[in-house]
Each structure stands twice: as structure tokens, then as C-alpha cells.
PDB file of N, CA and C in Angstrom:
ATOM      1  N   MET A   1      84.217 126.814  65.741  1.00  0.00           N
ATOM      2  CA  MET A   1      84.013 126.461  67.534  1.00  0.00           C
ATOM      3  C   MET A   1      82.998 127.087  67.767  1.00  0.00           C
ATOM      4  N   ARG A   2      82.192 125.839  68.394  1.00  0.00           N
ATOM      5  CA  ARG A   2      80.602 126.227  69.403  1.00  0.00           C
ATOM      6  C   ARG A   2      81.025 126.973  70.298  1.00  0.00           C
ATOM      7  N   MET A   3      80.541 127.988  70.830  1.00  0.00           N
ATOM      8  CA  MET A   3      80.443 128.714  71.734  1.00  0.00           C
ATOM      9  C   MET A   3      79.438 128.841  72.704  1.00  0.00           C
ATOM     10  N   ASN A   4      79.257 128.275  73.777  1.00  0.00           N
ATOM     11  CA  ASN A   4      78.317 128.300  74.972  1.00  0.00           C
ATOM     12  C   ASN A   4      78.215 128.861  76.426  1.00  0.00           C
ATOM     13  N   GLU A   5      77.063 129.906  76.682  1.00  0.00           N
ATOM     14  CA  GLU A   5      76.784 130.522  77.665  1.00  0.00           C
ATOM     15  C   GLU A   5      77.100 129.993  78.626  1.00  0.00           C
ATOM     16  N   ILE A   6      77.632 129.843  80.085  1.00  0.00           N
ATOM     17  CA  ILE A   6      77.567 129.504  81.192  1.00  0.00           C
ATOM     18  C   ILE A   6      76.742 130.228  82.084  1.00  0.00           C
ATOM     19  N   THR A   7      75.539 129.150  82.454  1.00  0.00           N
ATOM     20  CA  THR A   7      74.908 129.786  83.393  1.00  0.00           C
ATOM     21  C   THR A   7      74.705 128.778  84.552  1.00  0.00           C
ATOM     22  N   TYR A   8      75.414 129.988  85.898  1.00  0.00           N
ATOM     23  CA  TYR A   8      75.553 128.959  87.094  1.00  0.00           C
ATOM     24  C   TYR A   8      74.497 128.804  87.935  1.00  0.00           C
ATOM     25  N   THR A   9      73.867 128.100  88.735  1.00  0.00           N
ATOM     26  CA  THR A   9      72.691 127.642  89.626  1.00  0.00           C
ATOM     27  C   THR A   9      72.967 128.753  90.784  1.00  0.00           C
ATOM     28  N   ASN A  10      72.446 128.062  91.727  1.00  0.00           N
ATOM     29  CA  ASN A  10      72.472 129.325  92.965  1.00  0.00           C
ATOM     30  C   ASN A  10      74.278 129.336  93.212  1.00  0.00           C
ATOM     31  N   ALA A  11      75.149 128.599  93.377  1.00  0.00           N
ATOM     32  CA  ALA A  11      76.132 129.025  93.583  1.00  0.00           C
ATOM     33  C   ALA A  11      77.382 129.886  92.724  1.00  0.00           C
ATOM     34  N   LEU A  12      78.709 130.574  93.042  1.00  0.00           N
ATOM     35  CA  LEU A  12      79.112 131.242  91.895  1.00  0.00           C
ATOM     36  C   LEU A  12      80.474 130.729  91.870  1.00  0.00           C
ATOM     37  N   PRO A  13      81.074 131.460  90.319  1.00  0.00           N
ATOM     38  CA  PRO A  13      82.379 131.210  90.305  1.00  0.00           C
ATOM     39  C   PRO A  13      83.447 131.846  90.787  1.00  0.00           C
ATOM     40  N   ILE A  14      84.474 131.172  90.817  1.00  0.00           N
ATOM     41  CA  ILE A  14      85.411 131.997  91.675  1.00  0.00           C
ATOM     42  C   ILE A  14      86.194 132.837  90.436  1.00  0.00           C
ATOM     43  N   ASP A  15      86.002 134.254  90.436  1.00  0.00           N
ATOM     44  CA  ASP A  15      86.450 135.085  89.281  1.00  0.00           C
ATOM     45  C   ASP A  15      88.145 135.234  89.345  1.00  0.00           C
ATOM     46  N   GLY A  16      88.582 135.588  90.872  1.00  0.00           N
ATOM     47  CA  GLY A  16      90.020 135.826  90.959  1.00  0.00           C
ATOM     48  C   GLY A  16      90.152 135.308  92.010  1.00  0.00           C
ATOM     49  N   TYR A  17      91.870 135.697  92.786  1.00  0.00           N
ATOM     50  CA  TYR A  17      92.483 135.318  94.205  1.00  0.00           C
ATOM     51  C   TYR A  17      93.490 136.289  94.121  1.00  0.00           C
ATOM     52  N   GLY A  18      94.104 136.033  95.076  1.00  0.00           N
ATOM     53  CA  GLY A  18      95.903 137.123  95.143  1.00  0.00           C
ATOM     54  C   GLY A  18      95.935 136.894  96.859  1.00  0.00           C
ATOM     55  N   PRO A  19      96.685 137.386  97.133  1.00  0.00           N
ATOM     56  CA  PRO A  19      97.507 136.810  98.155  1.00  0.00           C
ATOM     57  C   PRO A  19      96.037 137.372  99.377  1.00  0.00           C
ATOM     58  N   GLY A  20      95.962 136.590  99.922  1.00  0.00           N
ATOM     59  CA  GLY A  20      95.022 136.607 100.961  1.00  0.00           C
ATOM     60  C   GLY A  20      93.429 136.944 100.724  1.00  0.00           C
ATOM     61  N   PHE A  21      93.188 136.737  99.855  1.00  0.00           N
ATOM     62  CA  PHE A  21      91.446 137.177  99.109  1.00  0.00           C
ATOM     63  C   PHE A  21      91.210 136.688  98.051  1.00  0.00           C
ATOM     64  N   PHE A  22      89.882 136.647  97.747  1.00  0.00           N
ATOM     65  CA  PHE A  22      89.164 135.613  96.907  1.00  0.00           C
ATOM     66  C   PHE A  22      88.344 136.575  96.123  1.00  0.00           C
ATOM     67  N   ARG A  23      88.226 136.561  95.054  1.00  0.00           N
ATOM     68  CA  ARG A  23      86.609 137.416  94.178  1.00  0.00           C
ATOM     69  C   ARG A  23      85.936 135.983  93.883  1.00  0.00           C
ATOM     70  N   ILE A  24      84.739 136.273  94.565  1.00  0.00           N
ATOM     71  CA  ILE A  24      83.946 135.215  94.021  1.00  0.00           C
ATOM     72  C   ILE A  24      82.546 135.643  93.800  1.00  0.00           C
ATOM     73  N   GLY A  25      82.168 135.725  92.560  1.00  0.00           N
ATOM     74  CA  GLY A  25      80.607 136.069  91.981  1.00  0.00           C
ATOM     75  C   GLY A  25      80.735 137.375  91.700  1.00  0.00           C
ATOM     76  N   GLY A  26      82.313 138.007  91.929  1.00  0.00           N
ATOM     77  CA  GLY A  26      82.385 139.954  91.610  1.00  0.00           C
ATOM     78  C   GLY A  26      82.668 139.999  93.294  1.00  0.00           C
ATOM     79  N   GLN A  27      82.287 139.849  93.776  1.00  0.00           N
ATOM     80  CA  GLN A  27      82.513 140.462  95.261  1.00  0.00           C
ATOM     81  C   GLN A  27      83.760 139.336  95.987  1.00  0.00           C
ATOM     82  N   VAL A  28      84.543 140.586  96.895  1.00  0.00           N
ATOM     83  CA  VAL A  28      85.891 140.404  97.212  1.00  0.00           C
ATOM     84  C   VAL A  28      85.637 139.857  98.416  1.00  0.00           C
ATOM     85  N   HIS A  29      86.590 138.413  99.019  1.00  0.00           N
ATOM     86  CA  HIS A  29      86.180 138.021 100.565  1.00  0.00           C
ATOM     87  C   HIS A  29      87.860 138.113 101.070  1.00  0.00           C
ATOM     88  N   GLU A  30      87.843 138.600 101.959  1.00  0.00           N
ATOM     89  CA  GLU A  30      89.235 138.254 102.476  1.00  0.00           C
ATOM     90  C   GLU A  30      89.180 136.854 103.376  1.00  0.00           C
ATOM     91  N   GLY A  31      90.598 136.409 103.396  1.00  0.00           N
ATOM     92  CA  GLY A  31      90.954 135.128 104.247  1.00  0.00           C
ATOM     93  C   GLY A  31      90.225 133.765 103.640  1.00  0.00           C
ATOM     94  N   ALA A  32      90.115 132.694 104.688  1.00  0.00           N
ATOM     95  CA  ALA A  32      89.312 131.568 103.980  1.00  0.00           C
ATOM     96  C   ALA A  32      88.102 131.926 103.853  1.00  0.00           C
ATOM     97  N   VAL A  33      87.412 130.954 102.657  1.00  0.00           N
ATOM     98  CA  VAL A  33      86.434 130.876 102.459  1.00  0.00           C
ATOM     99  C   VAL A  33      85.230 129.646 102.466  1.00  0.00           C
ATOM    100  N   ILE A  34      84.466 129.821 102.594  1.00  0.00           N
ATOM    101  CA  ILE A  34      83.891 128.498 101.886  1.00  0.00           C
ATOM    102  C   ILE A  34      82.542 128.910 101.012  1.00  0.00           C
ATOM    103  N   THR A  35      82.723 128.413  99.933  1.00  0.00           N
ATOM    104  CA  THR A  35      81.271 128.773  98.945  1.00  0.00           C
ATOM    105  C   THR A  35      80.955 127.618  98.105  1.00  0.00           C
ATOM    106  N   GLY A  36      79.727 127.868  97.825  1.00  0.00           N
ATOM    107  CA  GLY A  36      78.927 126.659  97.091  1.00  0.00           C
ATOM    108  C   GLY A  36      77.487 127.222  97.014  1.00  0.00           C
ATOM    109  N   PRO A  37      76.358 126.235  96.837  1.00  0.00           N
ATOM    110  CA  PRO A  37      74.821 126.424  96.254  1.00  0.00           C
ATOM    111  C   PRO A  37      74.585 126.753  97.830  1.00  0.00           C
ATOM    112  N   THR A  38      74.974 126.819  98.841  1.00  0.00           N
ATOM    113  CA  THR A  38      74.465 127.786  99.706  1.00  0.00           C
ATOM    114  C   THR A  38      74.750 129.021 100.546  1.00  0.00           C
ATOM    115  N   GLY A  39      76.083 129.419  99.621  1.00  0.00           N
ATOM    116  CA  GLY A  39      76.342 130.917  99.573  1.00  0.00           C
ATOM    117  C   GLY A  39      77.763 130.707  99.832  1.00  0.00           C
ATOM    118  N   THR A  40      78.473 131.665 100.191  1.00  0.00           N
ATOM    119  CA  THR A  40      80.271 132.383 100.546  1.00  0.00           C
ATOM    120  C   THR A  40      79.756 132.894 101.537  1.00  0.00           C
ATOM    121  N   MET A  41      80.824 132.550 102.425  1.00  0.00           N
ATOM    122  CA  MET A  41      81.121 133.006 103.993  1.00  0.00           C
ATOM    123  C   MET A  41      82.406 132.661 104.637  1.00  0.00           C
ATOM    124  N   ALA A  42      82.838 133.680 105.534  1.00  0.00           N
ATOM    125  CA  ALA A  42      84.190 133.239 106.181  1.00  0.00           C
ATOM    126  C   ALA A  42      84.200 131.863 107.056  1.00  0.00           C
ATOM    127  N   TRP A  43      85.388 131.362 106.321  1.00  0.00           N
ATOM    128  CA  TRP A  43      85.463 129.948 107.384  1.00  0.00           C
ATOM    129  C   TRP A  43      87.091 130.061 108.177  1.00  0.00           C
ATOM    130  N   ASN A  44      86.547 129.741 109.416  1.00  0.00           N
ATOM    131  CA  ASN A  44      87.829 129.740 110.343  1.00  0.00           C
ATOM    132  C   ASN A  44      88.760 128.553 110.433  1.00  0.00           C
ATOM    133  N   GLY A  45      88.891 127.904 109.240  1.00  0.00           N
ATOM    134  CA  GLY A  45      89.616 126.886 109.034  1.00  0.00           C
ATOM    135  C   GLY A  45      89.559 125.169 109.290  1.00  0.00           C
ATOM    136  N   TYR A  46      90.219 124.388 109.148  1.00  0.00           N
ATOM    137  CA  TYR A  46      90.170 123.012 109.248  1.00  0.00           C
ATOM    138  C   TYR A  46      89.268 122.930 110.678  1.00  0.00           C
ATOM    139  N   ALA A  47      89.370 123.324 111.841  1.00  0.00           N
ATOM    140  CA  ALA A  47      88.864 123.154 112.993  1.00  0.00           C
ATOM    141  C   ALA A  47      86.928 123.407 112.829  1.00  0.00           C
ATOM    142  N   GLU A  48      86.116 124.134 111.597  1.00  0.00           N
ATOM    143  CA  GLU A  48      85.008 124.536 111.809  1.00  0.00           C
ATOM    144  C   GLU A  48      84.878 123.493 110.938  1.00  0.00           C
ATOM    145  N   THR A  49      84.378 122.298 111.826  1.00  0.00           N
ATOM    146  CA  THR A  49      83.520 121.427 110.712  1.00  0.00           C
ATOM    147  C   THR A  49      82.059 121.584 110.704  1.00  0.00           C
ATOM    148  N   ASP A  50      81.709 122.133 111.426  1.00  0.00           N
ATOM    149  CA  ASP A  50      80.229 121.995 111.332  1.00  0.00           C
ATOM    150  C   ASP A  50      79.769 122.636 109.802  1.00  0.00           C
ATOM    151  N   THR A  51      80.373 123.976 109.746  1.00  0.00           N
ATOM    152  CA  THR A  51      80.026 124.911 108.445  1.00  0.00           C
ATOM    153  C   THR A  51      80.501 123.725 107.048  1.00  0.00           C
ATOM    154  N   LEU A  52      81.243 122.710 107.108  1.00  0.00           N
ATOM    155  CA  LEU A  52      81.320 121.670 105.765  1.00  0.00           C
ATOM    156  C   LEU A  52      80.370 120.895 105.946  1.00  0.00           C
ATOM    157  N   LEU A  53      80.209 120.160 106.954  1.00  0.00           N
ATOM    158  CA  LEU A  53      78.924 119.085 107.287  1.00  0.00           C
ATOM    159  C   LEU A  53      77.778 119.477 107.232  1.00  0.00           C
ATOM    160  N   ALA A  54      77.203 121.238 107.152  1.00  0.00           N
ATOM    161  CA  ALA A  54      75.830 121.403 106.696  1.00  0.00           C
ATOM    162  C   ALA A  54      76.048 121.528 104.981  1.00  0.00           C
ATOM    163  N   LEU A  55      76.891 121.605 104.436  1.00  0.00           N
ATOM    164  CA  LEU A  55      76.817 121.357 103.028  1.00  0.00           C
ATOM    165  C   LEU A  55      76.484 120.103 102.496  1.00  0.00           C
ATOM    166  N   SER A  56      76.694 118.847 103.589  1.00  0.00           N
ATOM    167  CA  SER A  56      76.508 117.485 102.868  1.00  0.00           C
ATOM    168  C   SER A  56      74.780 117.038 102.031  1.00  0.00           C
ATOM    169  N   ASP A  57      73.804 117.677 102.506  1.00  0.00           N
ATOM    170  CA  ASP A  57      72.660 117.598 101.763  1.00  0.00           C
ATOM    171  C   ASP A  57      72.755 118.359 100.362  1.00  0.00           C
ATOM    172  N   HIS A  58      73.600 119.349 100.077  1.00  0.00           N
ATOM    173  CA  HIS A  58      73.540 119.987  99.190  1.00  0.00           C
ATOM    174  C   HIS A  58      74.671 120.005  98.040  1.00  0.00           C
ATOM    175  N   ILE A  59      75.521 119.090  98.023  1.00  0.00           N
ATOM    176  CA  ILE A  59      76.797 118.735  96.977  1.00  0.00           C
ATOM    177  C   ILE A  59      76.922 117.512  97.122  1.00  0.00           C
ATOM    178  N   ASP A  60      77.782 116.907  96.380  1.00  0.00           N
ATOM    179  CA  ASP A  60      78.393 115.476  96.182  1.00  0.00           C
ATOM    180  C   ASP A  60      79.826 115.510  96.780  1.00  0.00           C
ATOM    181  N   VAL A  61      80.394 116.640  96.236  1.00  0.00           N
ATOM    182  CA  VAL A  61      82.091 116.644  96.272  1.00  0.00           C
ATOM    183  C   VAL A  61      82.438 117.921  96.935  1.00  0.00           C
ATOM    184  N   LEU A  62      83.458 117.749  97.948  1.00  0.00           N
ATOM    185  CA  LEU A  62      84.376 119.121  98.218  1.00  0.00           C
ATOM    186  C   LEU A  62      85.602 119.784  98.001  1.00  0.00           C
ATOM    187  N   PHE A  63      85.883 120.503  97.753  1.00  0.00           N
ATOM    188  CA  PHE A  63      87.316 120.579  97.139  1.00  0.00           C
ATOM    189  C   PHE A  63      87.394 121.265  98.554  1.00  0.00           C
ATOM    190  N   ILE A  64      88.859 121.038  98.988  1.00  0.00           N
ATOM    191  CA  ILE A  64      89.560 121.501  99.599  1.00  0.00           C
ATOM    192  C   ILE A  64      90.641 122.321  99.129  1.00  0.00           C
ATOM    193  N   GLY A  65      91.108 123.676  99.229  1.00  0.00           N
ATOM    194  CA  GLY A  65      92.161 124.482  98.732  1.00  0.00           C
ATOM    195  C   GLY A  65      92.794 124.611 100.142  1.00  0.00           C
ATOM    196  N   THR A  66      94.359 124.026  99.772  1.00  0.00           N
ATOM    197  CA  THR A  66      95.067 124.004 101.562  1.00  0.00           C
ATOM    198  C   THR A  66      96.094 125.581 101.172  1.00  0.00           C
ATOM    199  N   GLY A  67      95.615 126.282  99.982  1.00  0.00           N
ATOM    200  CA  GLY A  67      96.517 127.390 100.329  1.00  0.00           C
ATOM    201  C   GLY A  67      97.542 127.374  98.732  1.00  0.00           C
ATOM    202  N   LYS A  68      99.090 128.100  98.925  1.00  0.00           N
ATOM    203  CA  LYS A  68      99.403 128.243  97.675  1.00  0.00           C
ATOM    204  C   LYS A  68      99.705 127.266  97.438  1.00  0.00           C
ATOM    205  N   ASP A  69     100.569 125.823  98.476  1.00  0.00           N
ATOM    206  CA  ASP A  69     100.863 124.516  98.069  1.00  0.00           C
ATOM    207  C   ASP A  69      99.790 123.838  99.076  1.00  0.00           C
ATOM    208  N   LEU A  70      99.762 122.496  98.042  1.00  0.00           N
ATOM    209  CA  LEU A  70      99.508 121.096  98.440  1.00  0.00           C
ATOM    210  C   LEU A  70      99.653 120.888  99.724  1.00  0.00           C
ATOM    211  N   ALA A  71      98.859 120.619 100.605  1.00  0.00           N
ATOM    212  CA  ALA A  71      99.232 120.150 102.162  1.00  0.00           C
ATOM    213  C   ALA A  71      98.021 118.943 102.451  1.00  0.00           C
ATOM    214  N   HIS A  72      98.771 118.290 103.750  1.00  0.00           N
ATOM    215  CA  HIS A  72      97.763 117.452 104.297  1.00  0.00           C
ATOM    216  C   HIS A  72      96.592 118.323 104.952  1.00  0.00           C
ATOM    217  N   ILE A  73      95.471 117.851 105.102  1.00  0.00           N
ATOM    218  CA  ILE A  73      94.411 118.107 105.845  1.00  0.00           C
ATOM    219  C   ILE A  73      94.410 117.239 107.251  1.00  0.00           C
ATOM    220  N   PRO A  74      94.204 117.643 108.495  1.00  0.00           N
ATOM    221  CA  PRO A  74      94.286 116.519 109.413  1.00  0.00           C
ATOM    222  C   PRO A  74      93.112 115.154 108.985  1.00  0.00           C
ATOM    223  N   ALA A  75      93.433 114.042 109.640  1.00  0.00           N
ATOM    224  CA  ALA A  75      92.924 113.088 109.470  1.00  0.00           C
ATOM    225  C   ALA A  75      91.606 113.033 109.869  1.00  0.00           C
ATOM    226  N   THR A  76      91.229 113.331 110.930  1.00  0.00           N
ATOM    227  CA  THR A  76      89.774 113.630 111.399  1.00  0.00           C
ATOM    228  C   THR A  76      89.183 114.267 110.632  1.00  0.00           C
ATOM    229  N   LEU A  77      89.126 115.624 110.458  1.00  0.00           N
ATOM    230  CA  LEU A  77      88.780 115.904 109.233  1.00  0.00           C
ATOM    231  C   LEU A  77      88.302 115.495 108.119  1.00  0.00           C
ATOM    232  N   ARG A  78      88.775 114.781 107.278  1.00  0.00           N
ATOM    233  CA  ARG A  78      88.767 113.953 106.346  1.00  0.00           C
ATOM    234  C   ARG A  78      87.546 112.935 106.837  1.00  0.00           C
ATOM    235  N   THR A  79      87.899 112.047 107.497  1.00  0.00           N
ATOM    236  CA  THR A  79      86.917 111.211 108.075  1.00  0.00           C
ATOM    237  C   THR A  79      85.630 111.475 108.447  1.00  0.00           C
ATOM    238  N   THR A  80      85.374 112.456 109.051  1.00  0.00           N
ATOM    239  CA  THR A  80      84.293 113.530 109.804  1.00  0.00           C
ATOM    240  C   THR A  80      83.334 113.706 108.392  1.00  0.00           C
ATOM    241  N   LEU A  81      84.184 114.238 107.412  1.00  0.00           N
ATOM    242  CA  LEU A  81      83.713 114.684 105.885  1.00  0.00           C
ATOM    243  C   LEU A  81      82.899 113.440 105.513  1.00  0.00           C
ATOM    244  N   GLU A  82      83.691 112.291 105.284  1.00  0.00           N
ATOM    245  CA  GLU A  82      83.619 111.030 104.412  1.00  0.00           C
ATOM    246  C   GLU A  82      82.401 110.643 105.377  1.00  0.00           C
ATOM    247  N   GLU A  83      82.567 110.457 106.646  1.00  0.00           N
ATOM    248  CA  GLU A  83      81.443 110.054 106.831  1.00  0.00           C
ATOM    249  C   GLU A  83      79.876 110.331 106.822  1.00  0.00           C
ATOM    250  N   ALA A  84      80.005 111.670 106.732  1.00  0.00           N
ATOM    251  CA  ALA A  84      78.811 112.440 106.354  1.00  0.00           C
ATOM    252  C   ALA A  84      78.344 112.365 104.769  1.00  0.00           C
ATOM    253  N   GLY A  85      78.679 111.605 103.972  1.00  0.00           N
ATOM    254  CA  GLY A  85      79.143 111.322 102.563  1.00  0.00           C
ATOM    255  C   GLY A  85      79.144 112.184 101.749  1.00  0.00           C
ATOM    256  N   LEU A  86      80.278 113.006 102.060  1.00  0.00           N
ATOM    257  CA  LEU A  86      80.982 113.855 101.386  1.00  0.00           C
ATOM    258  C   LEU A  86      82.413 113.381 100.475  1.00  0.00           C
ATOM    259  N   GLY A  87      82.316 113.190  99.204  1.00  0.00           N
ATOM    260  CA  GLY A  87      83.512 112.976  98.231  1.00  0.00           C
ATOM    261  C   GLY A  87      84.228 114.376  99.084  1.00  0.00           C
ATOM    262  N   VAL A  88      85.642 113.516  99.353  1.00  0.00           N
ATOM    263  CA  VAL A  88      86.483 115.333  99.959  1.00  0.00           C
ATOM    264  C   VAL A  88      87.824 114.885  98.534  1.00  0.00           C
ATOM    265  N   GLU A  89      88.422 116.403  97.854  1.00  0.00           N
ATOM    266  CA  GLU A  89      89.318 116.443  97.028  1.00  0.00           C
ATOM    267  C   GLU A  89      90.389 117.531  97.975  1.00  0.00           C
ATOM    268  N   ILE A  90      91.406 117.087  97.776  1.00  0.00           N
ATOM    269  CA  ILE A  90      92.529 117.965  98.676  1.00  0.00           C
ATOM    270  C   ILE A  90      93.384 118.906  97.219  1.00  0.00           C
ATOM    271  N   MET A  91      93.811 120.043  97.416  1.00  0.00           N
ATOM    272  CA  MET A  91      94.709 120.265  96.345  1.00  0.00           C
ATOM    273  C   MET A  91      95.044 121.748  96.640  1.00  0.00           C
ATOM    274  N   ASN A  92      95.928 122.149  96.089  1.00  0.00           N
ATOM    275  CA  ASN A  92      96.384 123.848  96.444  1.00  0.00           C
ATOM    276  C   ASN A  92      95.147 124.691  96.234  1.00  0.00           C
ATOM    277  N   SER A  93      95.343 125.920  96.754  1.00  0.00           N
ATOM    278  CA  SER A  93      93.799 126.522  96.320  1.00  0.00           C
ATOM    279  C   SER A  93      93.340 127.329  94.897  1.00  0.00           C
ATOM    280  N   PRO A  94      94.859 127.544  94.392  1.00  0.00           N
ATOM    281  CA  PRO A  94      94.400 127.632  92.710  1.00  0.00           C
ATOM    282  C   PRO A  94      93.778 126.488  91.723  1.00  0.00           C
ATOM    283  N   ALA A  95      94.257 125.646  92.438  1.00  0.00           N
ATOM    284  CA  ALA A  95      93.686 124.228  91.101  1.00  0.00           C
ATOM    285  C   ALA A  95      92.280 123.903  91.706  1.00  0.00           C
ATOM    286  N   ALA A  96      92.190 124.000  93.022  1.00  0.00           N
ATOM    287  CA  ALA A  96      90.802 124.173  93.693  1.00  0.00           C
ATOM    288  C   ALA A  96      89.599 124.904  92.801  1.00  0.00           C
ATOM    289  N   CYS A  97      90.407 126.324  92.667  1.00  0.00           N
ATOM    290  CA  CYS A  97      89.526 127.081  92.519  1.00  0.00           C
ATOM    291  C   CYS A  97      89.072 126.909  90.623  1.00  0.00           C
ATOM    292  N   ARG A  98      90.325 126.517  90.141  1.00  0.00           N
ATOM    293  CA  ARG A  98      90.025 125.919  88.398  1.00  0.00           C
ATOM    294  C   ARG A  98      88.940 124.706  88.296  1.00  0.00           C
ATOM    295  N   THR A  99      89.367 123.805  89.271  1.00  0.00           N
ATOM    296  CA  THR A  99      88.135 122.659  88.955  1.00  0.00           C
ATOM    297  C   THR A  99      87.142 122.894  89.619  1.00  0.00           C
ATOM    298  N   TYR A 100      87.212 123.446  90.662  1.00  0.00           N
ATOM    299  CA  TYR A 100      85.154 123.729  91.020  1.00  0.00           C
ATOM    300  C   TYR A 100      84.865 124.488  89.819  1.00  0.00           C
ATOM    301  N   ASN A 101      85.377 125.642  89.371  1.00  0.00           N
ATOM    302  CA  ASN A 101      84.374 126.090  88.291  1.00  0.00           C
ATOM    303  C   ASN A 101      84.207 125.425  87.044  1.00  0.00           C
ATOM    304  N   VAL A 102      85.047 124.588  86.654  1.00  0.00           N
ATOM    305  CA  VAL A 102      84.484 123.570  85.741  1.00  0.00           C
ATOM    306  C   VAL A 102      83.426 123.016  85.862  1.00  0.00           C
ATOM    307  N   LEU A 103      83.614 122.199  87.111  1.00  0.00           N
ATOM    308  CA  LEU A 103      82.094 121.253  87.504  1.00  0.00           C
ATOM    309  C   LEU A 103      81.315 122.113  87.772  1.00  0.00           C
ATOM    310  N   LEU A 104      81.207 123.032  88.170  1.00  0.00           N
ATOM    311  CA  LEU A 104      80.278 123.785  88.373  1.00  0.00           C
ATOM    312  C   LEU A 104      79.270 124.435  86.997  1.00  0.00           C
ATOM    313  N   SER A 105      80.524 124.520  86.393  1.00  0.00           N
ATOM    314  CA  SER A 105      79.792 125.209  84.833  1.00  0.00           C
ATOM    315  C   SER A 105      78.792 123.926  84.024  1.00  0.00           C
ATOM    316  N   GLU A 106      79.484 122.648  84.637  1.00  0.00           N
ATOM    317  CA  GLU A 106      78.929 121.117  83.985  1.00  0.00           C
ATOM    318  C   GLU A 106      77.646 120.881  84.832  1.00  0.00           C
ATOM    319  N   GLY A 107      77.473 121.882  85.849  1.00  0.00           N
ATOM    320  CA  GLY A 107      75.852 121.758  86.701  1.00  0.00           C
ATOM    321  C   GLY A 107      76.033 121.079  87.806  1.00  0.00           C
ATOM    322  N   ARG A 108      77.285 120.068  87.955  1.00  0.00           N
ATOM    323  CA  ARG A 108      77.937 119.125  89.293  1.00  0.00           C
ATOM    324  C   ARG A 108      77.402 120.276  90.721  1.00  0.00           C
ATOM    325  N   ARG A 109      77.085 119.274  92.069  1.00  0.00           N
ATOM    326  CA  ARG A 109      77.090 119.606  93.093  1.00  0.00           C
ATOM    327  C   ARG A 109      78.232 119.588  93.571  1.00  0.00           C
ATOM    328  N   VAL A 110      78.786 120.917  93.674  1.00  0.00           N
ATOM    329  CA  VAL A 110      80.235 120.604  94.316  1.00  0.00           C
ATOM    330  C   VAL A 110      80.462 122.326  95.568  1.00  0.00           C
ATOM    331  N   GLY A 111      81.117 122.126  96.279  1.00  0.00           N
ATOM    332  CA  GLY A 111      81.528 122.971  97.086  1.00  0.00           C
ATOM    333  C   GLY A 111      83.013 123.149  97.509  1.00  0.00           C
ATOM    334  N   LEU A 112      83.068 124.138  98.170  1.00  0.00           N
ATOM    335  CA  LEU A 112      84.960 124.590  97.919  1.00  0.00           C
ATOM    336  C   LEU A 112      84.968 125.164  99.400  1.00  0.00           C
ATOM    337  N   ALA A 113      85.994 125.009  99.993  1.00  0.00           N
ATOM    338  CA  ALA A 113      86.672 125.548 100.797  1.00  0.00           C
ATOM    339  C   ALA A 113      88.015 126.112 100.776  1.00  0.00           C
ATOM    340  N   LEU A 114      88.385 127.162 100.772  1.00  0.00           N
ATOM    341  CA  LEU A 114      89.700 127.809 100.424  1.00  0.00           C
ATOM    342  C   LEU A 114      90.557 128.313 101.292  1.00  0.00           C
ATOM    343  N   MET A 115      91.757 127.898 101.748  1.00  0.00           N
ATOM    344  CA  MET A 115      92.957 128.883 102.779  1.00  0.00           C
ATOM    345  C   MET A 115      93.038 129.736 101.289  1.00  0.00           C
ATOM    346  N   PRO A 116      93.592 131.067 101.934  1.00  0.00           N
ATOM    347  CA  PRO A 116      93.958 132.056 101.151  1.00  0.00           C
ATOM    348  C   PRO A 116      95.822 131.534 100.470  1.00  0.00           C
ATOM    349  N   VAL A 117      95.848 132.072  98.904  1.00  0.00           N
ATOM    350  CA  VAL A 117      97.493 131.834  99.081  1.00  0.00           C
ATOM    351  C   VAL A 117      98.370 133.017  99.635  1.00  0.00           C
TER     352      VAL A 117
END
């Protein structure tokens, strides 16, 4: 088996998560977060659309982790993001973290918005 070292661009991988926190690029972030090629920041949840829309020039797909369980996001949020040209994928936060890391390691233009587990 051939092993390749993964080199990330400006975005940092999700190293781990637990009750109420995410470890991104070695740094712990409490509560909901957004991460991607523009950095990692706190997120106030589904009502904070401006920060998500600001990613539209930098990513093609936004993964939204809805916490421990899969849940629907507000229809208006999905519509707003899709109209801005973002692909939106909804899943529980653990699955969103794993999927984000895989696509990030492939050099894809992805972003991640996470509600805590």
C-alpha cells in the first residue's frame, strides 16, 4: 500500500469533536463554528447567513452539520445559499466533519458550518 502525506491548502482539517466543541487544525473551538479556506470562526446558527454567503466566492460546496442528529435546516436558508451558487449538503455533524476532511484532502473547494454535538 502506498502512503501519501496530505497537504491542506488554507483550510484546516477537523481533528476531533465532542460535547459542545470542535478541534480544528489543533485548536479547540466551543459551540457552533464555520470553517473553510477563509479561516475558522464562531457561528450564531442558521439565522447568520451573511457569513455563509461570504464563502460563495471561495467554495463550491457547503456542508452543514446539524448536530448529533440529522435535522432539516430552514428552507429559506437553503434557498438563499443555493441562489448564491453554493451547493448545500445537510448531514449530522460527525458525518459532515468526515466528509469535509475527505474532500479537503482531495483539494476540493469546500466549507463547513457545524452545530455542536
